Amino acid sequence: MLPRIAITTGDLAGIGPEIIYRTLQDARMLRFCTPVVYGTAATLFDDFPQDKQHTPMAFRQVREAADIVEGKINAVTCWDEEDFTLTPGQPSEASGRAARLSLLAAVRDMKAGLLDGLVTAPISKDNTQGEGFNFPGHTEFLAHHFSPHNDSLMLLVADELRVATATGHIALKDVPARLTPEVLSGKLRMLLHSLRHDFGIAKPRVAVLGLNPHAGENGLLGREEQDLVQPVIQQFLNEGHLVYGPYPADGFFGTRQYQQFDATLALYHDQGLIPFKTLAFERGVNYTAGLPVVRTSPDHGTAYGLAGKFAADPTSFREALYLACDLIKNRTAAAAK
C-alpha cells in the first residue's frame, strides 16, 4: 500500500492552494503516495486563478478519511462552503479559520491511524490563532498533540544538507536562558535518533554551533560555549557518538564545513535558517523530527504578494511530499529490523 499523505491547505489567501495544485497536477505523484487534501476541492480549486495552460484536476471528495482510495487525489471535507469568499493575497478571518480546520481534521485522522504522514502548506501564525490553535507555529502544535513531553526538533533538509535548531520560535533575547544542558542534550538525542531511523545513517556525524560570535573566543565574547556546549559535546563523545564543536557559525557555513557532517545543530532559529535558506531556499524542506508521526512542509511562508498570480515555485512543497514518502519508508524499514 502506498503511504497515505495528508495535505493541509495552509492559509488559503497565500500560495498554499497554488503549490498544492501545481504539485498534484503531475500524475506521477500517484505512483509515490495517496494524497489526501484536507479542504473542499471547490473552495481550493474551482475558483482558483488558473494559468493559461490550466488542466482541470479531478478530486475525489469524501466526508471521512476512511473512504479515501489509492490511485486518486482525495479531498476530505472539513469546512462549510456557505458564505466562504477567497481573495488571493488578502488574509481574512475565514482563511485563517480554514487553515485551523484543515490542520485539526488532519491531526484527528492521523491519531486514528487513517494516515501515514502529513505535509503542511504555509500558515500565517497570527492569522491562524483561534480555537484549537494557540501556538507559535506548526512545530509546537504538533508537539502538543503527538509528543508526551511537548517536545520536537525543527530539522531543515535539502538533499545532504540538514540543519536542526536547539530552540525554535522564541525571541532572541530569551535564547540563552532557554538553553540548558538538558535541552541541548535532548535535542542532540532527537537529532541522532532521527538521522539513524529516519534517514538510515548508521553512525551519524553531527556538528554543534556556538552561541556567541567566534564561538565565544575562549570566553572573551561569552562563556556559553565553555560552560554549556563543550561539556554536553564531551558527554556525547564519551558515549561513543560522533558529535563535534562548538563551531563559529559564520566560518562553518562560509567554508562549507557543513559538508563534512550528516547534520548541523544550530542553537537558535535564525542561526540555522538564514544559511540554510541561502543555500537551499527553492528546494528546502522543514521536517518536524522527534515525533511518532512524519510531518514535513516547504521551508517558505504564505507569500501573500505572489498569491493569485500563478508565479509561486512549487519545488519546496513537492520536495516536502517526496521526503515524507521517503521518511515513512525508512521508518518502516527500521522498525522491521
Protein backbone atom coordinates (compact mmCIF):
# COMPACT_ATOMS: atom_id res chain seq x y z
CA MET A 1 0.00 0.00 0.00
CA LEU A 2 1.27 3.45 -0.89
CA PRO A 3 1.69 5.89 2.01
CA ARG A 4 -1.43 7.96 2.69
CA ILE A 5 -0.24 11.56 2.96
CA ALA A 6 -2.46 14.25 4.46
CA ILE A 7 -2.02 17.68 2.89
CA THR A 8 -3.26 20.69 4.83
CA THR A 9 -4.16 23.82 2.91
CA GLY A 10 -2.39 26.47 4.94
CA ASP A 11 -3.79 29.99 4.69
CA LEU A 12 -5.97 30.00 1.57
CA ALA A 13 -5.12 33.63 0.86
CA GLY A 14 -1.46 32.64 0.41
CA ILE A 15 0.23 30.41 -2.13
CA GLY A 16 -0.80 27.17 -0.42
CA PRO A 17 -3.59 26.28 -2.89
CA GLU A 18 -1.34 27.03 -5.86
CA ILE A 19 1.66 24.96 -4.76
CA ILE A 20 -0.63 22.06 -3.82
CA TYR A 21 -2.41 22.32 -7.15
CA ARG A 22 0.77 22.53 -9.22
CA THR A 23 2.36 19.63 -7.33
CA LEU A 24 -0.64 17.34 -7.75
CA GLN A 25 -1.01 18.29 -11.44
CA ASP A 26 1.82 15.82 -12.03
CA ALA A 27 0.06 12.46 -12.26
CA ARG A 28 3.32 10.71 -11.34
CA MET A 29 2.69 11.72 -7.71
CA LEU A 30 0.15 8.93 -7.52
CA ARG A 31 2.99 6.43 -8.01
CA PHE A 32 4.55 7.51 -4.73
CA CYS A 33 1.62 8.18 -2.42
CA THR A 34 -2.11 8.58 -1.96
CA PRO A 35 -2.65 12.34 -1.49
CA VAL A 36 -5.42 13.41 0.90
CA VAL A 37 -6.07 17.15 0.78
CA TYR A 38 -7.87 18.49 3.86
CA GLY A 39 -10.21 21.05 2.41
CA THR A 40 -13.08 21.26 -0.03
CA ALA A 41 -11.97 20.97 -3.63
CA ALA A 42 -14.50 23.57 -4.78
CA THR A 43 -13.08 26.24 -2.48
CA LEU A 44 -9.49 25.31 -3.19
CA PHE A 45 -9.52 24.89 -6.93
CA ASP A 46 -12.81 25.54 -8.76
CA ASP A 47 -12.45 29.29 -8.26
CA PHE A 48 -8.68 29.19 -8.15
CA PRO A 49 -6.92 31.67 -10.51
CA GLN A 50 -5.66 29.45 -13.30
CA ASP A 51 -2.79 29.81 -15.71
CA LYS A 52 -3.44 29.73 -19.44
CA GLN A 53 -2.38 26.09 -19.61
CA HIS A 54 -4.84 25.11 -16.85
CA THR A 55 -5.76 21.45 -16.88
CA PRO A 56 -8.81 20.54 -14.78
CA MET A 57 -7.94 18.32 -11.83
CA ALA A 58 -10.21 15.55 -10.67
CA PHE A 59 -10.62 15.22 -6.90
CA ARG A 60 -12.46 12.50 -5.07
CA GLN A 61 -14.33 14.46 -2.39
CA VAL A 62 -15.13 12.44 0.73
CA ARG A 63 -16.55 13.19 4.15
CA GLU A 64 -14.37 10.74 6.06
CA ALA A 65 -10.72 9.74 5.63
CA ALA A 66 -11.83 6.12 5.98
CA ASP A 67 -13.28 6.45 2.46
CA ILE A 68 -10.10 7.50 0.65
CA VAL A 69 -8.89 5.28 -2.18
CA GLU A 70 -5.47 4.65 -3.71
CA GLY A 71 -4.77 5.94 -7.19
CA LYS A 72 -6.91 9.06 -6.73
CA ILE A 73 -6.42 12.57 -5.37
CA ASN A 74 -8.68 12.57 -2.35
CA ALA A 75 -10.12 15.63 -0.60
CA VAL A 76 -11.66 15.45 2.86
CA THR A 77 -14.40 17.99 3.56
CA CYS A 78 -13.59 19.92 6.74
CA TRP A 79 -15.44 23.24 6.45
CA ASP A 80 -18.77 24.64 5.26
CA GLU A 81 -18.81 26.21 1.82
CA GLU A 82 -21.57 28.71 2.58
CA ASP A 83 -20.58 32.37 2.54
CA PHE A 84 -16.92 31.49 2.03
CA THR A 85 -15.05 34.01 -0.09
CA LEU A 86 -11.38 33.77 -1.03
CA THR A 87 -9.31 36.73 -2.17
CA PRO A 88 -5.71 35.78 -3.01
CA GLY A 89 -3.20 37.92 -1.15
CA GLN A 90 -5.71 39.16 1.43
CA PRO A 91 -5.72 37.04 4.60
CA SER A 92 -9.01 37.08 6.45
CA GLU A 93 -10.72 35.52 9.42
CA ALA A 94 -12.20 32.95 7.05
CA SER A 95 -8.85 31.97 5.53
CA GLY A 96 -7.30 31.62 8.99
CA ARG A 97 -10.25 29.53 10.20
CA ALA A 98 -9.97 27.26 7.18
CA ALA A 99 -6.27 26.73 7.92
CA ARG A 100 -7.14 25.71 11.51
CA LEU A 101 -9.94 23.37 10.46
CA SER A 102 -7.75 21.71 7.84
CA LEU A 103 -4.97 21.10 10.34
CA LEU A 104 -7.24 19.92 13.16
CA ALA A 105 -9.04 17.44 10.91
CA ALA A 106 -5.77 16.01 9.58
CA VAL A 107 -4.37 15.57 13.10
CA ARG A 108 -7.60 13.87 14.19
CA ASP A 109 -7.30 11.33 11.39
CA MET A 110 -3.59 10.79 11.98
CA LYS A 111 -4.33 9.95 15.60
CA ALA A 112 -6.96 7.49 14.38
CA GLY A 113 -4.35 5.70 12.25
CA LEU A 114 -6.01 6.59 8.94
CA LEU A 115 -2.95 8.40 7.58
CA ASP A 116 0.78 7.72 7.34
CA GLY A 117 2.20 11.22 7.09
CA LEU A 118 1.42 14.94 6.94
CA VAL A 119 2.58 17.73 4.63
CA THR A 120 1.53 21.22 5.69
CA ALA A 121 1.18 24.22 3.40
CA PRO A 122 2.26 27.56 4.92
CA ILE A 123 0.13 29.34 7.52
CA SER A 124 0.17 32.86 8.86
CA LYS A 125 0.98 32.25 12.50
CA ASP A 126 -1.06 35.20 13.75
CA ASN A 127 -3.99 34.74 11.35
CA THR A 128 -4.34 31.06 12.30
CA GLN A 129 -4.72 31.70 16.03
CA GLY A 130 -8.09 30.64 17.41
CA GLU A 131 -9.98 27.75 18.92
CA GLY A 132 -7.79 24.65 18.75
CA PHE A 133 -4.67 26.54 17.66
CA ASN A 134 -2.90 28.78 20.16
CA PHE A 135 0.71 28.03 19.28
CA PRO A 136 3.68 29.88 17.72
CA GLY A 137 3.61 27.56 14.71
CA HIS A 138 3.05 24.10 13.27
CA THR A 139 6.01 22.61 15.15
CA GLU A 140 4.71 23.47 18.61
CA PHE A 141 1.14 22.49 17.68
CA LEU A 142 2.20 19.03 16.53
CA ALA A 143 4.48 18.51 19.52
CA HIS A 144 1.49 19.27 21.76
CA HIS A 145 -0.62 16.63 20.02
CA PHE A 146 1.93 13.88 19.44
CA SER A 147 4.83 14.25 21.90
CA PRO A 148 4.32 13.18 25.53
CA HIS A 149 6.80 15.86 26.62
CA ASN A 150 5.57 18.55 24.18
CA ASP A 151 8.96 18.40 22.52
CA SER A 152 10.20 18.02 18.96
CA LEU A 153 13.05 19.12 16.71
CA MET A 154 12.93 21.50 13.75
CA LEU A 155 15.12 19.92 11.07
CA LEU A 156 15.64 21.62 7.71
CA VAL A 157 16.52 19.22 4.88
CA ALA A 158 17.76 19.68 1.31
CA ASP A 159 19.46 16.62 -0.16
CA GLU A 160 22.51 16.01 2.09
CA LEU A 161 22.23 19.37 3.87
CA ARG A 162 20.46 19.05 7.23
CA VAL A 163 20.25 21.85 9.80
CA ALA A 164 18.40 21.50 13.12
CA THR A 165 17.70 24.12 15.77
CA ALA A 166 18.00 23.66 19.53
CA THR A 167 15.48 26.47 20.14
CA GLY A 168 12.63 27.44 17.85
CA HIS A 169 10.08 30.23 17.69
CA ILE A 170 11.19 32.30 20.66
CA ALA A 171 12.59 35.82 20.97
CA LEU A 172 16.36 36.08 20.55
CA LYS A 173 16.72 37.67 23.99
CA ASP A 174 15.23 34.51 25.55
CA VAL A 175 17.59 32.04 23.87
CA PRO A 176 20.44 31.98 26.45
CA ALA A 177 18.07 31.30 29.35
CA ARG A 178 16.25 28.58 27.38
CA LEU A 179 19.46 26.74 26.55
CA THR A 180 20.24 24.29 29.35
CA PRO A 181 22.29 21.07 29.39
CA GLU A 182 19.01 19.13 29.44
CA VAL A 183 17.59 21.00 26.44
CA LEU A 184 20.78 20.71 24.39
CA SER A 185 21.22 17.02 25.24
CA GLY A 186 17.58 16.31 24.42
CA LYS A 187 17.78 17.98 21.01
CA LEU A 188 21.01 16.16 20.18
CA ARG A 189 19.48 12.79 21.09
CA MET A 190 16.45 13.52 18.92
CA LEU A 191 18.71 14.53 16.04
CA LEU A 192 20.90 11.43 16.32
CA HIS A 193 17.85 9.17 16.56
CA SER A 194 16.25 10.80 13.51
CA LEU A 195 19.42 10.50 11.44
CA ARG A 196 19.60 6.79 12.24
CA HIS A 197 15.93 5.80 11.96
CA ASP A 198 14.52 8.37 9.54
CA PHE A 199 17.49 8.81 7.21
CA GLY A 200 19.18 5.41 7.59
CA ILE A 201 22.60 6.76 8.67
CA ALA A 202 24.14 4.10 10.91
CA LYS A 203 26.81 6.29 12.58
CA PRO A 204 25.87 9.94 12.02
CA ARG A 205 28.35 12.80 12.35
CA VAL A 206 26.86 15.92 13.92
CA ALA A 207 28.30 19.44 14.28
CA VAL A 208 27.13 21.83 17.03
CA LEU A 209 27.41 25.58 16.51
CA GLY A 210 28.46 28.08 19.16
CA LEU A 211 26.06 30.64 20.57
CA ASN A 212 28.34 33.69 20.51
CA PRO A 213 30.40 35.28 17.71
CA HIS A 214 33.54 33.23 17.05
CA ALA A 215 32.09 30.57 19.39
CA GLY A 216 32.88 32.81 22.35
CA GLU A 217 36.57 33.37 21.52
CA ASN A 218 37.69 31.30 24.55
CA GLY A 219 35.35 33.17 26.87
CA LEU A 220 36.17 36.69 25.67
CA LEU A 221 32.81 37.07 23.89
CA GLY A 222 30.71 34.86 26.14
CA ARG A 223 31.05 31.71 28.22
CA GLU A 224 28.12 29.61 26.99
CA GLU A 225 30.42 27.55 24.80
CA GLN A 226 32.75 26.68 27.68
CA ASP A 227 30.13 26.31 30.40
CA LEU A 228 27.34 24.63 28.42
CA VAL A 229 28.09 23.45 24.90
CA GLN A 230 31.51 21.83 25.34
CA PRO A 231 30.53 19.72 28.39
CA VAL A 232 27.47 18.38 26.56
CA ILE A 233 29.52 17.54 23.48
CA GLN A 234 32.10 15.77 25.65
CA GLN A 235 29.33 13.72 27.25
CA PHE A 236 28.19 12.51 23.84
CA LEU A 237 31.74 11.75 22.74
CA ASN A 238 32.22 9.69 25.90
CA GLU A 239 29.13 7.71 24.93
CA GLY A 240 30.61 6.93 21.52
CA HIS A 241 28.65 9.43 19.42
CA LEU A 242 30.31 11.46 16.68
CA VAL A 243 29.35 14.93 17.92
CA TYR A 244 31.77 17.82 17.46
CA GLY A 245 32.03 21.56 18.09
CA PRO A 246 31.21 24.18 19.00
CA TYR A 247 31.93 25.82 15.67
CA PRO A 248 31.67 29.56 14.83
CA ALA A 249 28.58 29.72 12.64
CA ASP A 250 29.87 32.21 10.07
CA GLY A 251 33.05 30.36 9.17
CA PHE A 252 31.34 26.97 9.43
CA PHE A 253 28.91 27.79 6.64
CA GLY A 254 31.22 30.17 4.77
CA THR A 255 33.85 27.46 4.26
CA ARG A 256 31.20 24.78 3.63
CA GLN A 257 32.44 22.82 6.62
CA TYR A 258 28.88 21.51 6.99
CA GLN A 259 29.59 19.17 4.08
CA GLN A 260 31.77 17.08 6.42
CA PHE A 261 28.77 16.25 8.64
CA ASP A 262 25.43 14.48 8.32
CA ALA A 263 23.68 17.29 10.21
CA THR A 264 24.33 20.57 12.00
CA LEU A 265 22.68 21.69 15.23
CA ALA A 266 22.21 25.46 15.41
CA LEU A 267 21.41 26.93 18.81
CA TYR A 268 18.68 29.34 17.72
CA HIS A 269 16.24 29.78 14.85
CA ASP A 270 17.90 32.30 12.55
CA GLN A 271 21.41 30.97 13.16
CA GLY A 272 20.34 27.84 11.30
CA LEU A 273 17.61 29.05 8.97
CA ILE A 274 19.42 32.00 7.40
CA PRO A 275 22.32 29.95 5.99
CA PHE A 276 20.02 27.05 5.14
CA LYS A 277 17.63 29.19 3.13
CA THR A 278 20.52 30.99 1.47
CA LEU A 279 21.88 27.64 0.31
CA ALA A 280 18.66 25.79 -0.47
CA PHE A 281 15.60 28.06 -0.40
CA GLU A 282 13.97 26.70 -3.56
CA ARG A 283 14.16 23.02 -2.55
CA GLY A 284 14.40 23.11 1.26
CA VAL A 285 12.00 21.13 3.46
CA ASN A 286 11.08 21.66 7.11
CA TYR A 287 10.81 18.32 8.92
CA THR A 288 9.49 18.00 12.47
CA ALA A 289 11.74 15.29 13.89
CA GLY A 290 11.28 13.63 17.27
CA LEU A 291 7.58 12.83 16.77
CA PRO A 292 5.96 9.40 16.32
CA VAL A 293 4.41 10.73 13.08
CA VAL A 294 6.03 12.10 9.91
CA ARG A 295 5.39 15.77 9.15
CA THR A 296 7.10 17.91 6.51
CA SER A 297 6.44 21.30 4.96
CA PRO A 298 8.02 23.70 2.47
CA ASP A 299 10.62 25.97 4.04
CA HIS A 300 8.86 29.20 2.97
CA GLY A 301 5.87 31.19 4.14
CA THR A 302 2.48 32.21 2.76
CA ALA A 303 3.95 34.70 0.24
CA TYR A 304 0.76 36.76 0.05
CA GLY A 305 2.38 39.02 -2.52
CA LEU A 306 2.57 36.14 -5.01
CA ALA A 307 -0.86 34.66 -4.33
CA GLY A 308 -3.23 34.56 -7.28
CA LYS A 309 -0.53 35.29 -9.86
CA PHE A 310 0.35 31.67 -10.59
CA ALA A 311 4.01 32.59 -10.14
CA ALA A 312 4.89 30.61 -6.98
CA ASP A 313 7.55 27.92 -7.24
CA PRO A 314 6.13 24.56 -6.04
CA THR A 315 9.56 22.88 -5.77
CA SER A 316 9.85 23.08 -1.99
CA PHE A 317 6.33 21.72 -1.47
CA ARG A 318 6.96 18.89 -3.95
CA GLU A 319 10.20 18.03 -2.17
CA ALA A 320 8.30 18.00 1.14
CA LEU A 321 5.90 15.43 -0.29
CA TYR A 322 8.76 13.30 -1.61
CA LEU A 323 10.62 13.50 1.70
CA ALA A 324 7.53 12.45 3.66
CA CYS A 325 7.26 9.34 1.49
CA ASP A 326 10.97 8.54 1.96
CA LEU A 327 10.83 9.01 5.74
CA ILE A 328 7.81 6.73 6.06
CA LYS A 329 9.61 4.07 4.04
CA ASN A 330 12.78 4.43 6.13
CA ARG A 331 10.86 4.25 9.41
CA THR A 332 9.07 1.12 8.25
CA ALA A 333 12.38 -0.50 7.29
CA ALA A 334 13.98 0.48 10.63
CA ALA A 335 11.04 -0.93 12.58
CA ALA A 336 11.33 -4.23 10.72
CA LYS A 337 14.95 -4.78 11.76
